């Protein structure tokens, strides 16, 4: 015969409320820096210039004929069409390999050392800086944390 549950103190289940996780600004900054390191290494353009196709404040997707690639250029929106002539007389694969060979060391350092440095710095300044900052953000009502 199955055992009946008693109405004692161990039979009650407690429900915990699930809160929406706060946006961690440190992790967001680390992700942006790593993405910038990758785009700088593979496409010779920083993250903002890669996404917008701008160079020196002007829209120049594929106009300069260099090994600098942007997202509009890769999508065929720039003056160089998709599958066309990237960086003078190179095709896309050649440009990416050339950029990777020239920039692999700095890209690797950025991808590996940026998260390690961020974690170390976060641990070092947690008590004197981060905890009071998070308390202040909570009191203001923002749904983020540092």
C-alpha atoms as a PDB file:
ATOM      1  CA  UNK A   1       0.000   0.000   0.000  1.00  0.00           C
ATOM      2  CA  UNK A   2       1.426   3.451  -0.926  1.00  0.00           C
ATOM      3  CA  UNK A   3       2.541   5.664   1.861  1.00  0.00           C
ATOM      4  CA  UNK A   4       0.490   8.765   2.505  1.00  0.00           C
ATOM      5  CA  UNK A   5       2.103  12.141   2.853  1.00  0.00           C
ATOM      6  CA  UNK A   6       1.663  13.665   6.219  1.00  0.00           C
ATOM      7  CA  UNK A   7       0.771  17.265   6.785  1.00  0.00           C
ATOM      8  CA  UNK A   8       3.929  17.768   8.834  1.00  0.00           C
ATOM      9  CA  UNK A   9       6.572  20.350   8.325  1.00  0.00           C
ATOM     10  CA  UNK A  10       8.425  18.383   5.632  1.00  0.00           C
ATOM     11  CA  UNK A  11       5.459  17.904   3.320  1.00  0.00           C
ATOM     12  CA  UNK A  12       5.129  21.502   2.224  1.00  0.00           C
ATOM     13  CA  UNK A  13       6.955  22.629  -0.845  1.00  0.00           C
ATOM     14  CA  UNK A  14       8.203  26.154  -1.062  1.00  0.00           C
ATOM     15  CA  UNK A  15       8.149  27.976  -4.323  1.00  0.00           C
ATOM     16  CA  UNK A  16      10.834  30.410  -5.157  1.00  0.00           C
ATOM     17  CA  UNK A  17      10.098  33.287  -7.441  1.00  0.00           C
ATOM     18  CA  UNK A  18      12.097  33.390 -10.593  1.00  0.00           C
ATOM     19  CA  UNK A  19      13.420  36.851 -11.215  1.00  0.00           C
ATOM     20  CA  UNK A  20      14.522  38.112 -14.552  1.00  0.00           C
ATOM     21  CA  UNK A  21      18.330  38.131 -14.506  1.00  0.00           C
ATOM     22  CA  UNK A  22      19.897  41.549 -14.439  1.00  0.00           C
ATOM     23  CA  UNK A  23      21.968  42.726 -17.377  1.00  0.00           C
ATOM     24  CA  UNK A  24      25.614  42.487 -16.409  1.00  0.00           C
ATOM     25  CA  UNK A  25      27.430  45.520 -17.800  1.00  0.00           C
ATOM     26  CA  UNK A  26      30.861  43.962 -17.261  1.00  0.00           C
ATOM     27  CA  UNK A  27      30.014  40.888 -19.344  1.00  0.00           C
ATOM     28  CA  UNK A  28      28.508  43.113 -22.018  1.00  0.00           C
ATOM     29  CA  UNK A  29      31.691  45.195 -22.204  1.00  0.00           C
ATOM     30  CA  UNK A  30      33.898  42.086 -22.358  1.00  0.00           C
ATOM     31  CA  UNK A  31      31.784  40.652 -25.186  1.00  0.00           C
ATOM     32  CA  UNK A  32      32.021  43.908 -27.128  1.00  0.00           C
ATOM     33  CA  UNK A  33      35.806  44.073 -26.682  1.00  0.00           C
ATOM     34  CA  UNK A  34      36.271  40.453 -27.807  1.00  0.00           C
ATOM     35  CA  UNK A  35      34.017  41.029 -30.835  1.00  0.00           C
ATOM     36  CA  UNK A  36      36.006  44.164 -31.665  1.00  0.00           C
ATOM     37  CA  UNK A  37      39.242  42.177 -31.447  1.00  0.00           C
ATOM     38  CA  UNK A  38      37.881  39.558 -33.860  1.00  0.00           C
ATOM     39  CA  UNK A  39      36.581  42.069 -36.410  1.00  0.00           C
ATOM     40  CA  UNK A  40      39.828  44.024 -36.188  1.00  0.00           C
ATOM     41  CA  UNK A  41      41.798  40.846 -36.828  1.00  0.00           C
ATOM     42  CA  UNK A  42      39.710  39.294 -39.592  1.00  0.00           C
ATOM     43  CA  UNK A  43      38.305  42.347 -41.377  1.00  0.00           C
ATOM     44  CA  UNK A  44      40.757  45.180 -40.490  1.00  0.00           C
ATOM     45  CA  UNK A  45      37.873  47.278 -39.182  1.00  0.00           C
ATOM     46  CA  UNK A  46      36.701  47.962 -35.660  1.00  0.00           C
ATOM     47  CA  UNK A  47      33.274  46.698 -34.601  1.00  0.00           C
ATOM     48  CA  UNK A  48      31.347  49.904 -35.326  1.00  0.00           C
ATOM     49  CA  UNK A  49      33.004  50.505 -38.692  1.00  0.00           C
ATOM     50  CA  UNK A  50      32.504  46.847 -39.630  1.00  0.00           C
ATOM     51  CA  UNK A  51      28.772  46.991 -38.859  1.00  0.00           C
ATOM     52  CA  UNK A  52      28.106  50.366 -40.504  1.00  0.00           C
ATOM     53  CA  UNK A  53      30.533  50.371 -43.448  1.00  0.00           C
ATOM     54  CA  UNK A  54      31.979  53.708 -42.422  1.00  0.00           C
ATOM     55  CA  UNK A  55      35.613  54.749 -42.584  1.00  0.00           C
ATOM     56  CA  UNK A  56      36.798  58.049 -41.143  1.00  0.00           C
ATOM     57  CA  UNK A  57      33.172  59.092 -40.595  1.00  0.00           C
ATOM     58  CA  UNK A  58      32.081  58.539 -44.215  1.00  0.00           C
ATOM     59  CA  UNK A  59      30.292  55.579 -45.772  1.00  0.00           C
ATOM     60  CA  UNK A  60      32.957  53.784 -47.811  1.00  0.00           C
ATOM     61  CA  UNK A  61      31.931  50.132 -48.039  1.00  0.00           C
ATOM     62  CA  UNK A  62      34.276  48.608 -50.605  1.00  0.00           C
ATOM     63  CA  UNK A  63      35.317  51.929 -52.040  1.00  0.00           C
ATOM     64  CA  UNK A  64      38.947  51.939 -50.968  1.00  0.00           C
ATOM     65  CA  UNK A  65      40.072  48.672 -52.594  1.00  0.00           C
ATOM     66  CA  UNK A  66      42.023  47.583 -49.505  1.00  0.00           C
ATOM     67  CA  UNK A  67      41.854  44.429 -47.430  1.00  0.00           C
ATOM     68  CA  UNK A  68      39.487  46.193 -45.042  1.00  0.00           C
ATOM     69  CA  UNK A  69      36.061  44.538 -45.203  1.00  0.00           C
ATOM     70  CA  UNK A  70      32.738  45.661 -43.794  1.00  0.00           C
ATOM     71  CA  UNK A  71      29.375  43.973 -43.311  1.00  0.00           C
ATOM     72  CA  UNK A  72      27.578  46.003 -46.026  1.00  0.00           C
ATOM     73  CA  UNK A  73      30.358  45.045 -48.410  1.00  0.00           C
ATOM     74  CA  UNK A  74      29.989  41.361 -47.524  1.00  0.00           C
ATOM     75  CA  UNK A  75      26.221  41.579 -48.006  1.00  0.00           C
ATOM     76  CA  UNK A  76      26.634  43.252 -51.396  1.00  0.00           C
ATOM     77  CA  UNK A  77      25.392  46.695 -50.369  1.00  0.00           C
ATOM     78  CA  UNK A  78      28.677  48.555 -50.932  1.00  0.00           C
ATOM     79  CA  UNK A  79      30.302  49.444 -54.202  1.00  0.00           C
ATOM     80  CA  UNK A  80      31.835  45.941 -54.398  1.00  0.00           C
ATOM     81  CA  UNK A  81      29.135  43.335 -54.974  1.00  0.00           C
ATOM     82  CA  UNK A  82      28.920  39.970 -53.240  1.00  0.00           C
ATOM     83  CA  UNK A  83      31.428  37.477 -54.637  1.00  0.00           C
ATOM     84  CA  UNK A  84      33.254  40.278 -56.376  1.00  0.00           C
ATOM     85  CA  UNK A  85      36.629  41.892 -56.131  1.00  0.00           C
ATOM     86  CA  UNK A  86      37.709  42.461 -52.508  1.00  0.00           C
ATOM     87  CA  UNK A  87      40.809  44.453 -51.777  1.00  0.00           C
ATOM     88  CA  UNK A  88      41.971  45.107 -55.312  1.00  0.00           C
ATOM     89  CA  UNK A  89      42.504  41.783 -57.070  1.00  0.00           C
ATOM     90  CA  UNK A  90      41.734  39.424 -54.164  1.00  0.00           C
ATOM     91  CA  UNK A  91      38.702  37.232 -53.588  1.00  0.00           C
ATOM     92  CA  UNK A  92      37.013  37.017 -50.171  1.00  0.00           C
ATOM     93  CA  UNK A  93      38.897  33.941 -48.994  1.00  0.00           C
ATOM     94  CA  UNK A  94      42.273  35.452 -49.896  1.00  0.00           C
ATOM     95  CA  UNK A  95      41.500  38.688 -48.062  1.00  0.00           C
ATOM     96  CA  UNK A  96      40.355  36.856 -44.924  1.00  0.00           C
ATOM     97  CA  UNK A  97      43.422  34.591 -44.945  1.00  0.00           C
ATOM     98  CA  UNK A  98      45.739  37.570 -45.501  1.00  0.00           C
ATOM     99  CA  UNK A  99      44.142  39.500 -42.637  1.00  0.00           C
ATOM    100  CA  UNK A 100      44.241  36.448 -40.366  1.00  0.00           C
ATOM    101  CA  UNK A 101      47.912  35.762 -41.085  1.00  0.00           C
ATOM    102  CA  UNK A 102      48.826  39.380 -40.360  1.00  0.00           C
ATOM    103  CA  UNK A 103      46.680  39.776 -37.240  1.00  0.00           C
ATOM    104  CA  UNK A 104      46.374  36.326 -35.629  1.00  0.00           C
ATOM    105  CA  UNK A 105      48.627  37.120 -32.667  1.00  0.00           C
ATOM    106  CA  UNK A 106      46.863  40.312 -31.590  1.00  0.00           C
ATOM    107  CA  UNK A 107      43.483  38.679 -32.180  1.00  0.00           C
ATOM    108  CA  UNK A 108      44.441  35.676 -30.008  1.00  0.00           C
ATOM    109  CA  UNK A 109      45.743  37.933 -27.252  1.00  0.00           C
ATOM    110  CA  UNK A 110      42.510  39.932 -27.328  1.00  0.00           C
ATOM    111  CA  UNK A 111      40.243  36.887 -27.289  1.00  0.00           C
ATOM    112  CA  UNK A 112      42.148  35.152 -24.478  1.00  0.00           C
ATOM    113  CA  UNK A 113      43.443  37.965 -22.275  1.00  0.00           C
ATOM    114  CA  UNK A 114      40.450  40.331 -22.278  1.00  0.00           C
ATOM    115  CA  UNK A 115      38.125  37.896 -20.398  1.00  0.00           C
ATOM    116  CA  UNK A 116      40.928  36.844 -18.025  1.00  0.00           C
ATOM    117  CA  UNK A 117      41.801  40.462 -17.244  1.00  0.00           C
ATOM    118  CA  UNK A 118      38.148  41.388 -16.758  1.00  0.00           C
ATOM    119  CA  UNK A 119      37.583  38.501 -14.346  1.00  0.00           C
ATOM    120  CA  UNK A 120      40.729  39.332 -12.370  1.00  0.00           C
ATOM    121  CA  UNK A 121      39.936  43.045 -12.166  1.00  0.00           C
ATOM    122  CA  UNK A 122      36.339  42.296 -11.182  1.00  0.00           C
ATOM    123  CA  UNK A 123      37.528  40.115  -8.300  1.00  0.00           C
ATOM    124  CA  UNK A 124      40.013  42.742  -7.137  1.00  0.00           C
ATOM    125  CA  UNK A 125      37.578  45.672  -7.070  1.00  0.00           C
ATOM    126  CA  UNK A 126      34.400  43.801  -6.063  1.00  0.00           C
ATOM    127  CA  UNK A 127      34.242  44.930  -2.449  1.00  0.00           C
ATOM    128  CA  UNK A 128      35.323  48.585  -2.635  1.00  0.00           C
ATOM    129  CA  UNK A 129      33.689  49.538  -5.947  1.00  0.00           C
ATOM    130  CA  UNK A 130      31.262  47.043  -7.439  1.00  0.00           C
ATOM    131  CA  UNK A 131      29.066  46.189  -4.444  1.00  0.00           C
ATOM    132  CA  UNK A 132      28.288  49.849  -3.609  1.00  0.00           C
ATOM    133  CA  UNK A 133      27.687  50.565  -7.306  1.00  0.00           C
ATOM    134  CA  UNK A 134      25.207  47.678  -7.575  1.00  0.00           C
ATOM    135  CA  UNK A 135      23.407  48.842  -4.432  1.00  0.00           C
ATOM    136  CA  UNK A 136      23.158  52.354  -5.866  1.00  0.00           C
ATOM    137  CA  UNK A 137      21.804  51.021  -9.195  1.00  0.00           C
ATOM    138  CA  UNK A 138      19.250  48.913  -7.316  1.00  0.00           C
ATOM    139  CA  UNK A 139      18.084  51.901  -5.265  1.00  0.00           C
ATOM    140  CA  UNK A 140      17.697  53.990  -8.409  1.00  0.00           C
ATOM    141  CA  UNK A 141      15.593  51.234  -9.955  1.00  0.00           C
ATOM    142  CA  UNK A 142      17.777  50.268 -12.914  1.00  0.00           C
ATOM    143  CA  UNK A 143      17.692  46.593 -13.863  1.00  0.00           C
ATOM    144  CA  UNK A 144      21.440  46.285 -14.479  1.00  0.00           C
ATOM    145  CA  UNK A 145      24.480  45.339 -12.451  1.00  0.00           C
ATOM    146  CA  UNK A 146      28.188  45.995 -12.761  1.00  0.00           C
END
